[in-house]
Amino acid sequence: MIGTSLSHAITAVPPKLIIFDFDGTLVETETLVAQIISSKLAELGRTVSPADIAATLAGVPRAQEATLLEALATVSLPERFMEEVDVEWRKAILAGLAPTAGTVDA
C-alpha cells in the first residue's frame, strides 16, 4: 500500500458482502443496555423496568438519554452514569452475546 491512497485501497477490491445490522437483527443490544441501566438505577434506589427504559430511549439521540432517564427515574444521575453503562455494555459484549433467534450462521 506504499504510495497508494487510502481511498484507492478501499475501492480497489469491491466488498463481497455488506451487512446492515439494525438492533435485534443479529444480536439484541438494546435490551442489554436497558437491563444494565435498570440495574444501575436500582443501585441508586430506583426501580425502573428494562422495558420502560427501552421504550423511553428508543430512537433518542445519545445526548438526550441522561435527561430522559432522570425524568423517568425521578433521580439525578451521577456525572459519569452513562459512561459506566457503556463500560458494563462493552464487558457484556466481550463476554459474548447470543444471536437473535432465527439468525443463521454463514
Protein backbone atom coordinates (compact mmCIF):
# COMPACT_ATOMS: atom_id res chain seq x y z
CA MET A 1 0.00 0.00 0.00
CA ILE A 2 3.01 2.27 -0.04
CA GLY A 3 2.27 5.06 -2.47
CA THR A 4 -1.40 4.15 -2.66
CA SER A 5 -4.02 6.49 -1.29
CA LEU A 6 -6.35 5.08 1.35
CA SER A 7 -9.43 5.84 -0.76
CA HIS A 8 -7.94 3.93 -3.69
CA ALA A 9 -7.04 0.97 -1.48
CA ILE A 10 -10.57 0.81 -0.12
CA THR A 11 -12.23 0.90 -3.53
CA ALA A 12 -9.68 -1.32 -5.31
CA VAL A 13 -11.46 -4.51 -4.18
CA PRO A 14 -15.23 -4.26 -4.06
CA PRO A 15 -16.80 -5.83 -1.00
CA LYS A 16 -18.43 -9.23 -1.40
CA LEU A 17 -20.92 -8.57 1.37
CA ILE A 18 -22.22 -5.57 3.30
CA ILE A 19 -24.26 -6.20 6.44
CA PHE A 20 -26.58 -3.59 7.88
CA ASP A 21 -27.24 -4.66 11.46
CA PHE A 22 -30.18 -2.85 12.96
CA ASP A 23 -30.55 -3.64 16.64
CA GLY A 24 -32.14 -7.03 17.03
CA THR A 25 -31.14 -8.31 13.60
CA LEU A 26 -28.05 -10.25 14.63
CA VAL A 27 -27.89 -9.59 18.38
CA GLU A 28 -30.18 -7.75 20.78
CA THR A 29 -28.06 -4.98 22.31
CA GLU A 30 -30.88 -2.54 23.06
CA THR A 31 -32.37 -4.93 25.61
CA LEU A 32 -28.93 -5.49 27.12
CA VAL A 33 -28.38 -1.75 27.62
CA ALA A 34 -31.83 -1.37 29.19
CA GLN A 35 -31.07 -4.19 31.63
CA ILE A 36 -27.75 -2.60 32.59
CA ILE A 37 -29.39 0.79 33.13
CA SER A 38 -32.15 -0.80 35.19
CA SER A 39 -29.55 -2.47 37.43
CA LYS A 40 -27.57 0.74 37.82
CA LEU A 41 -30.73 2.69 38.70
CA ALA A 42 -31.53 0.03 41.31
CA GLU A 43 -28.14 0.78 42.88
CA LEU A 44 -29.43 4.37 43.24
CA GLY A 45 -32.60 3.12 44.92
CA ARG A 46 -34.84 3.47 41.87
CA THR A 47 -36.84 0.64 40.32
CA VAL A 48 -37.43 1.06 36.61
CA SER A 49 -38.09 -1.90 34.34
CA PRO A 50 -35.84 -2.56 31.35
CA ALA A 51 -38.97 -2.39 29.15
CA ASP A 52 -39.75 1.15 30.36
CA ILE A 53 -36.14 2.18 29.83
CA ALA A 54 -36.07 0.73 26.31
CA ALA A 55 -39.34 2.47 25.41
CA THR A 56 -38.07 5.79 26.78
CA LEU A 57 -34.75 5.66 24.94
CA ALA A 58 -35.89 4.21 21.61
CA GLY A 59 -34.70 6.45 18.81
CA VAL A 60 -33.36 9.10 21.19
CA PRO A 61 -30.04 10.82 20.44
CA ARG A 62 -27.30 9.87 22.88
CA ALA A 63 -27.02 13.44 24.19
CA GLN A 64 -30.62 13.31 25.48
CA GLU A 65 -30.55 9.90 27.17
CA ALA A 66 -29.40 11.00 30.64
CA THR A 67 -32.01 13.76 30.83
CA LEU A 68 -34.81 11.36 29.87
CA LEU A 69 -33.57 8.75 32.34
CA GLU A 70 -33.51 11.31 35.13
CA ALA A 71 -37.12 12.22 34.39
CA LEU A 72 -38.17 8.57 34.15
CA ALA A 73 -36.46 7.53 37.39
CA THR A 74 -37.00 10.85 39.19
CA VAL A 75 -33.36 10.94 40.22
CA SER A 76 -30.27 12.98 39.44
CA LEU A 77 -27.81 10.66 37.79
CA PRO A 78 -24.16 10.68 38.81
CA GLU A 79 -21.97 12.62 36.39
CA ARG A 80 -20.41 9.51 34.81
CA PHE A 81 -23.54 7.32 34.85
CA MET A 82 -23.79 6.83 31.08
CA GLU A 83 -20.04 6.22 30.77
CA GLU A 84 -20.37 3.49 33.41
CA VAL A 85 -23.27 2.00 31.44
CA ASP A 86 -21.01 1.93 28.37
CA VAL A 87 -18.28 0.11 30.29
CA GLU A 88 -20.74 -2.53 31.50
CA TRP A 89 -22.20 -2.86 28.00
CA ARG A 90 -18.77 -3.41 26.46
CA LYS A 91 -17.91 -6.01 29.11
CA ALA A 92 -21.12 -7.88 28.35
CA ILE A 93 -20.45 -7.82 24.62
CA LEU A 94 -16.90 -9.09 25.09
CA ALA A 95 -18.23 -11.86 27.32
CA GLY A 96 -20.39 -12.97 24.39
CA LEU A 97 -23.92 -12.38 23.21
CA ALA A 98 -26.38 -14.94 21.99
CA PRO A 99 -27.54 -14.33 18.43
CA THR A 100 -31.10 -13.21 17.88
CA ALA A 101 -33.45 -16.15 17.38
CA GLY A 102 -33.59 -17.06 13.71
CA THR A 103 -30.11 -15.77 12.88
CA VAL A 104 -28.31 -18.31 10.71
CA ASP A 105 -24.57 -18.90 10.81
CA ALA A 106 -22.97 -18.37 7.43
